[in-house]
N, C-alpha and C. Protein backbone atom coordinates (compact mmCIF):
# COMPACT_ATOMS: atom_id res chain seq x y z
N MET A 1 31.43 98.62 79.59
CA MET A 1 32.58 98.43 78.75
C MET A 1 33.07 99.20 77.95
N ASP A 2 34.53 99.43 78.09
CA ASP A 2 35.01 100.47 76.82
C ASP A 2 34.96 99.76 75.27
N ALA A 3 35.11 100.47 74.32
CA ALA A 3 35.12 100.07 73.09
C ALA A 3 36.48 98.96 72.80
N ILE A 4 37.56 99.48 73.38
CA ILE A 4 38.46 98.03 73.19
C ILE A 4 38.03 96.88 73.97
N GLY A 5 37.71 97.03 75.00
CA GLY A 5 36.89 95.93 75.59
C GLY A 5 36.02 95.05 74.75
N ALA A 6 35.07 96.05 74.13
CA ALA A 6 33.93 95.21 73.38
C ALA A 6 34.47 94.49 72.37
N LEU A 7 35.67 95.03 71.42
CA LEU A 7 36.35 94.59 70.37
C LEU A 7 37.35 93.31 70.73
N ALA A 8 37.97 93.39 72.16
CA ALA A 8 38.37 92.23 72.57
C ALA A 8 37.33 90.79 72.75
N ASN A 9 36.36 91.29 73.16
CA ASN A 9 35.21 90.11 73.14
C ASN A 9 35.00 89.44 72.01
N VAL A 10 34.92 90.24 70.93
CA VAL A 10 34.73 89.70 69.40
C VAL A 10 36.06 88.93 68.95
N ALA A 11 37.15 89.19 69.50
CA ALA A 11 38.45 88.60 69.24
C ALA A 11 38.65 87.33 69.99
N ARG A 12 38.02 87.36 71.16
CA ARG A 12 38.12 86.09 72.10
C ARG A 12 37.11 84.99 71.55
N ARG A 13 35.96 85.36 70.79
CA ARG A 13 35.08 84.52 70.21
C ARG A 13 35.65 83.98 68.79
N SER A 14 36.65 84.43 68.29
CA SER A 14 37.25 84.42 67.05
C SER A 14 38.30 83.12 67.18
N THR A 15 38.20 82.07 66.20
CA THR A 15 39.31 80.78 66.24
C THR A 15 40.70 81.42 65.96
N GLU A 16 40.83 82.76 65.62
CA GLU A 16 42.04 83.42 64.93
C GLU A 16 42.45 84.22 66.27
N ARG A 17 41.81 84.35 67.14
CA ARG A 17 41.96 85.26 68.22
C ARG A 17 42.31 86.90 67.89
N TYR A 18 41.78 87.10 66.64
CA TYR A 18 42.00 88.41 65.97
C TYR A 18 40.82 89.30 65.37
N HIS A 19 40.55 90.52 65.53
CA HIS A 19 39.47 90.96 64.93
C HIS A 19 39.80 92.29 64.51
N GLU A 20 39.34 92.36 63.17
CA GLU A 20 40.14 93.59 62.38
C GLU A 20 38.58 94.41 62.33
N PHE A 21 38.78 95.49 62.66
CA PHE A 21 37.83 96.69 63.03
C PHE A 21 37.98 97.95 62.04
N LEU A 22 39.00 97.99 61.03
CA LEU A 22 38.81 99.27 60.31
C LEU A 22 39.95 98.68 59.40
N ARG A 23 39.71 99.02 58.07
CA ARG A 23 40.50 98.89 56.84
C ARG A 23 40.08 99.78 55.97
N VAL A 24 41.33 100.60 55.49
CA VAL A 24 41.51 101.48 54.20
C VAL A 24 42.98 100.94 53.32
N PRO A 25 42.84 101.51 52.23
CA PRO A 25 44.63 100.79 51.67
C PRO A 25 45.57 101.11 52.52
N ALA A 26 45.70 102.44 53.16
CA ALA A 26 46.81 102.69 53.74
C ALA A 26 47.38 101.99 55.05
N MET A 27 46.25 101.20 55.71
CA MET A 27 46.12 100.40 57.11
C MET A 27 44.89 99.64 57.05
N SER A 28 45.56 98.84 58.07
CA SER A 28 44.08 97.99 58.72
C SER A 28 44.60 98.01 60.29
N VAL A 29 43.41 98.01 61.22
CA VAL A 29 43.48 97.92 62.60
C VAL A 29 42.72 96.73 63.32
N GLY A 30 43.42 96.23 64.11
CA GLY A 30 42.23 95.01 65.16
C GLY A 30 42.83 94.94 66.14
N VAL A 31 42.25 93.81 66.98
CA VAL A 31 42.66 93.68 68.39
C VAL A 31 43.00 92.36 68.36
N TYR A 32 44.30 91.90 69.22
CA TYR A 32 44.60 90.51 69.05
C TYR A 32 44.64 90.18 70.57
N VAL A 33 44.16 88.78 70.91
CA VAL A 33 43.99 88.53 72.18
C VAL A 33 44.65 87.14 72.29
N LEU A 34 45.44 87.07 73.37
CA LEU A 34 46.11 85.54 73.85
C LEU A 34 45.87 85.16 75.03
N PRO A 35 45.26 84.47 75.23
CA PRO A 35 44.81 83.98 76.81
C PRO A 35 46.45 83.58 77.33
N ALA A 36 46.18 83.55 78.95
CA ALA A 36 47.21 83.29 79.59
C ALA A 36 47.69 81.76 79.29
N GLY A 37 48.97 81.57 78.88
CA GLY A 37 49.50 80.12 78.52
C GLY A 37 49.40 80.13 77.09
N ALA A 38 49.00 81.02 76.22
CA ALA A 38 48.69 80.47 74.88
C ALA A 38 49.71 80.95 73.95
N THR A 39 49.88 80.12 72.86
CA THR A 39 51.15 80.04 71.64
C THR A 39 50.57 80.98 70.59
N ASP A 40 51.42 81.80 70.60
CA ASP A 40 51.22 82.90 69.35
C ASP A 40 52.00 82.14 68.16
N GLY A 41 51.16 81.78 67.34
CA GLY A 41 51.65 81.12 65.91
C GLY A 41 51.62 81.87 64.94
N GLN A 42 51.85 83.28 65.07
CA GLN A 42 51.71 84.28 63.91
C GLN A 42 53.15 83.84 62.87
N SER A 43 53.21 84.13 61.88
CA SER A 43 54.42 84.18 61.06
C SER A 43 54.70 85.72 60.68
N PRO A 44 55.51 86.01 59.64
CA PRO A 44 56.06 87.21 59.28
C PRO A 44 55.06 87.68 58.38
N HIS A 45 54.50 89.31 58.59
CA HIS A 45 53.79 89.66 57.64
C HIS A 45 54.65 90.55 56.48
N GLY A 46 53.54 90.75 55.64
CA GLY A 46 54.42 91.38 54.29
C GLY A 46 54.03 93.03 54.58
N GLU A 47 53.72 93.70 55.49
CA GLU A 47 53.42 95.13 56.10
C GLU A 47 54.01 95.28 57.49
N ASP A 48 54.49 96.60 57.28
CA ASP A 48 54.74 97.12 58.71
C ASP A 48 53.58 97.05 59.65
N GLU A 49 54.13 97.06 61.30
CA GLU A 49 53.36 96.35 62.25
C GLU A 49 53.36 97.15 63.16
N ILE A 50 52.19 97.87 64.02
CA ILE A 50 52.87 98.57 65.21
C ILE A 50 51.71 97.58 66.36
N TYR A 51 52.23 97.39 67.33
CA TYR A 51 51.67 96.87 68.19
C TYR A 51 51.59 97.78 69.73
N TYR A 52 50.19 98.32 70.06
CA TYR A 52 49.75 98.51 71.56
C TYR A 52 49.51 97.79 72.38
N VAL A 53 50.09 97.56 73.79
CA VAL A 53 49.60 96.58 74.65
C VAL A 53 48.65 97.23 75.38
N VAL A 54 47.39 96.59 75.31
CA VAL A 54 46.35 97.58 76.04
C VAL A 54 46.19 96.70 77.83
N GLN A 55 46.33 95.65 77.60
CA GLN A 55 46.18 94.67 78.83
C GLN A 55 47.18 93.45 78.89
N GLY A 56 47.56 93.20 79.93
CA GLY A 56 48.11 91.80 80.00
C GLY A 56 49.91 91.87 80.37
N LYS A 57 50.49 90.35 80.24
CA LYS A 57 51.90 90.47 80.46
C LYS A 57 52.30 89.27 79.77
N ALA A 58 53.44 89.53 78.96
CA ALA A 58 54.04 88.81 78.28
C ALA A 58 55.38 88.68 77.83
N ARG A 59 55.99 88.11 77.00
CA ARG A 59 57.28 88.60 76.34
C ARG A 59 57.16 89.01 74.90
N PHE A 60 58.08 89.33 74.21
CA PHE A 60 58.01 89.31 72.82
C PHE A 60 59.49 89.35 72.27
N LEU A 61 59.28 88.38 71.24
CA LEU A 61 60.44 88.03 70.68
C LEU A 61 60.50 88.76 69.37
N HIS A 62 61.62 89.57 68.84
CA HIS A 62 61.72 90.02 67.59
C HIS A 62 63.21 90.01 67.13
N GLY A 63 63.39 89.07 66.23
CA GLY A 63 64.92 89.04 65.81
C GLY A 63 65.56 88.29 67.32
N ALA A 64 66.52 88.90 67.47
CA ALA A 64 67.81 88.26 68.66
C ALA A 64 66.94 89.10 69.97
N LEU A 65 65.81 90.09 69.83
CA LEU A 65 65.46 91.18 70.96
C LEU A 65 64.30 90.35 71.58
N ASP A 66 64.47 89.72 73.02
CA ASP A 66 63.40 88.95 73.65
C ASP A 66 63.07 90.10 75.01
N GLN A 67 62.14 90.64 75.00
CA GLN A 67 61.73 91.72 76.04
C GLN A 67 60.34 91.51 76.57
N PRO A 68 60.19 91.91 77.76
CA PRO A 68 58.73 91.85 78.53
C PRO A 68 57.96 93.06 77.95
N VAL A 69 56.80 92.59 78.09
CA VAL A 69 55.64 93.55 77.44
C VAL A 69 54.48 93.79 78.56
N ALA A 70 54.15 95.02 78.62
CA ALA A 70 52.76 95.30 79.52
C ALA A 70 52.18 96.44 78.99
N PRO A 71 51.11 96.85 79.69
CA PRO A 71 50.36 97.45 79.32
C PRO A 71 50.79 99.20 79.13
N GLY A 72 50.71 99.93 77.64
CA GLY A 72 51.26 100.84 77.38
C GLY A 72 52.36 100.85 76.42
N ASP A 73 53.16 99.51 76.46
CA ASP A 73 54.13 99.35 75.71
C ASP A 73 53.57 99.31 74.09
N VAL A 74 54.59 99.91 73.42
CA VAL A 74 54.48 100.13 71.90
C VAL A 74 55.63 99.49 71.27
N LEU A 75 55.25 98.51 70.35
CA LEU A 75 56.22 97.66 69.58
C LEU A 75 56.12 97.91 68.02
N PHE A 76 57.49 98.18 67.08
CA PHE A 76 57.11 98.26 66.08
C PHE A 76 57.99 97.42 65.39
N VAL A 77 57.46 96.57 64.24
CA VAL A 77 58.11 95.24 63.45
C VAL A 77 57.75 95.68 61.99
N PRO A 78 59.18 95.86 61.29
CA PRO A 78 59.22 96.09 60.00
C PRO A 78 58.49 94.77 59.26
N ALA A 79 58.08 95.18 58.05
CA ALA A 79 57.30 94.02 57.19
C ALA A 79 58.47 92.68 57.39
N HIS A 80 58.00 91.63 57.00
CA HIS A 80 58.93 90.45 56.78
C HIS A 80 59.67 90.13 58.11
N ASP A 81 59.69 90.77 59.39
CA ASP A 81 60.89 90.25 60.40
C ASP A 81 59.87 89.31 61.26
N GLU A 82 60.89 88.31 61.59
CA GLU A 82 60.10 87.09 62.48
C GLU A 82 59.97 88.01 64.01
N HIS A 83 58.44 87.80 64.38
CA HIS A 83 58.45 88.14 65.81
C HIS A 83 57.28 87.17 66.25
N ARG A 84 57.08 87.30 67.52
CA ARG A 84 55.91 86.67 68.33
C ARG A 84 55.99 86.86 69.60
N PHE A 85 54.55 86.80 70.27
CA PHE A 85 54.63 86.90 71.73
C PHE A 85 54.86 85.54 72.53
N HIS A 86 55.17 85.26 73.63
CA HIS A 86 55.45 84.05 74.05
C HIS A 86 55.27 84.40 75.60
N SER A 87 55.30 83.37 76.37
CA SER A 87 55.26 83.40 78.03
C SER A 87 54.31 84.17 78.53
N VAL A 88 53.10 83.93 77.96
CA VAL A 88 51.93 85.07 78.38
C VAL A 88 51.32 84.72 79.47
N GLU A 89 51.81 85.60 80.45
CA GLU A 89 51.37 85.50 81.97
C GLU A 89 49.88 85.69 82.30
N GLU A 90 49.59 86.86 81.89
CA GLU A 90 48.10 87.26 81.75
C GLU A 90 47.64 87.62 80.41
N GLU A 91 46.05 87.38 80.44
CA GLU A 91 45.64 87.67 79.18
C GLU A 91 46.24 88.77 78.27
N LEU A 92 46.61 88.76 77.20
CA LEU A 92 47.17 89.78 76.29
C LEU A 92 46.28 90.42 75.53
N VAL A 93 45.91 91.74 75.61
CA VAL A 93 44.96 92.02 74.76
C VAL A 93 46.07 93.40 73.95
N VAL A 94 45.92 93.15 72.66
CA VAL A 94 47.15 93.99 71.74
C VAL A 94 46.08 94.78 70.63
N LEU A 95 46.27 96.10 70.28
CA LEU A 95 45.93 96.66 69.27
C LEU A 95 46.98 96.61 68.21
N VAL A 96 46.46 96.47 67.01
CA VAL A 96 47.33 96.04 66.09
C VAL A 96 47.17 97.04 64.79
N VAL A 97 48.10 97.59 64.37
CA VAL A 97 47.92 98.42 63.20
C VAL A 97 48.99 98.04 61.94
N PHE A 98 48.56 97.42 61.17
CA PHE A 98 49.03 97.35 59.65
C PHE A 98 49.09 98.36 58.73
N ALA A 99 50.41 98.65 58.23
CA ALA A 99 50.74 99.65 57.15
C ALA A 99 51.31 99.13 55.89
N PRO A 100 50.81 98.96 55.11
CA PRO A 100 49.72 99.21 54.47
C PRO A 100 48.56 98.13 54.98
N ALA A 101 47.29 98.01 54.24
CA ALA A 101 46.47 97.05 55.36
C ALA A 101 46.94 95.74 54.82
N GLU A 102 46.67 95.04 55.82
CA GLU A 102 47.15 93.58 55.68
C GLU A 102 46.60 92.80 54.72
N GLN A 103 47.45 92.24 53.97
CA GLN A 103 46.78 90.99 52.84
C GLN A 103 46.64 89.97 53.58
N ALA A 104 45.65 89.21 52.71
CA ALA A 104 45.42 87.80 53.16
C ALA A 104 46.45 86.99 52.77
N PRO A 105 46.90 86.09 53.64
CA PRO A 105 48.33 85.12 53.60
C PRO A 105 47.85 84.32 51.89
N GLY A 106 48.86 84.42 51.23
CA GLY A 106 49.05 83.66 49.76
C GLY A 106 49.82 83.07 49.50
């Protein structure tokens, strides 16, 4: 199993479906896993975000833009923008980078 696959297994066991594996003040990085048919309940973050789709098929809503996503896609979301994955057809595994490091909701 590759490193991302091992990290995805940790995320699958989490109730939040997210596993952070790196944190420094300038950024934090984790793996987000959404099973087929899942609902992405995230709300806007106070940090910029980059998503790299490792596996799966879904759609991504960012403002008025609604687009399909598949392996290899890279998405950027500025801080505070509404966004979410939806219509998850195949389990979605996404590498997530927050800059600066994600802050706990408050």
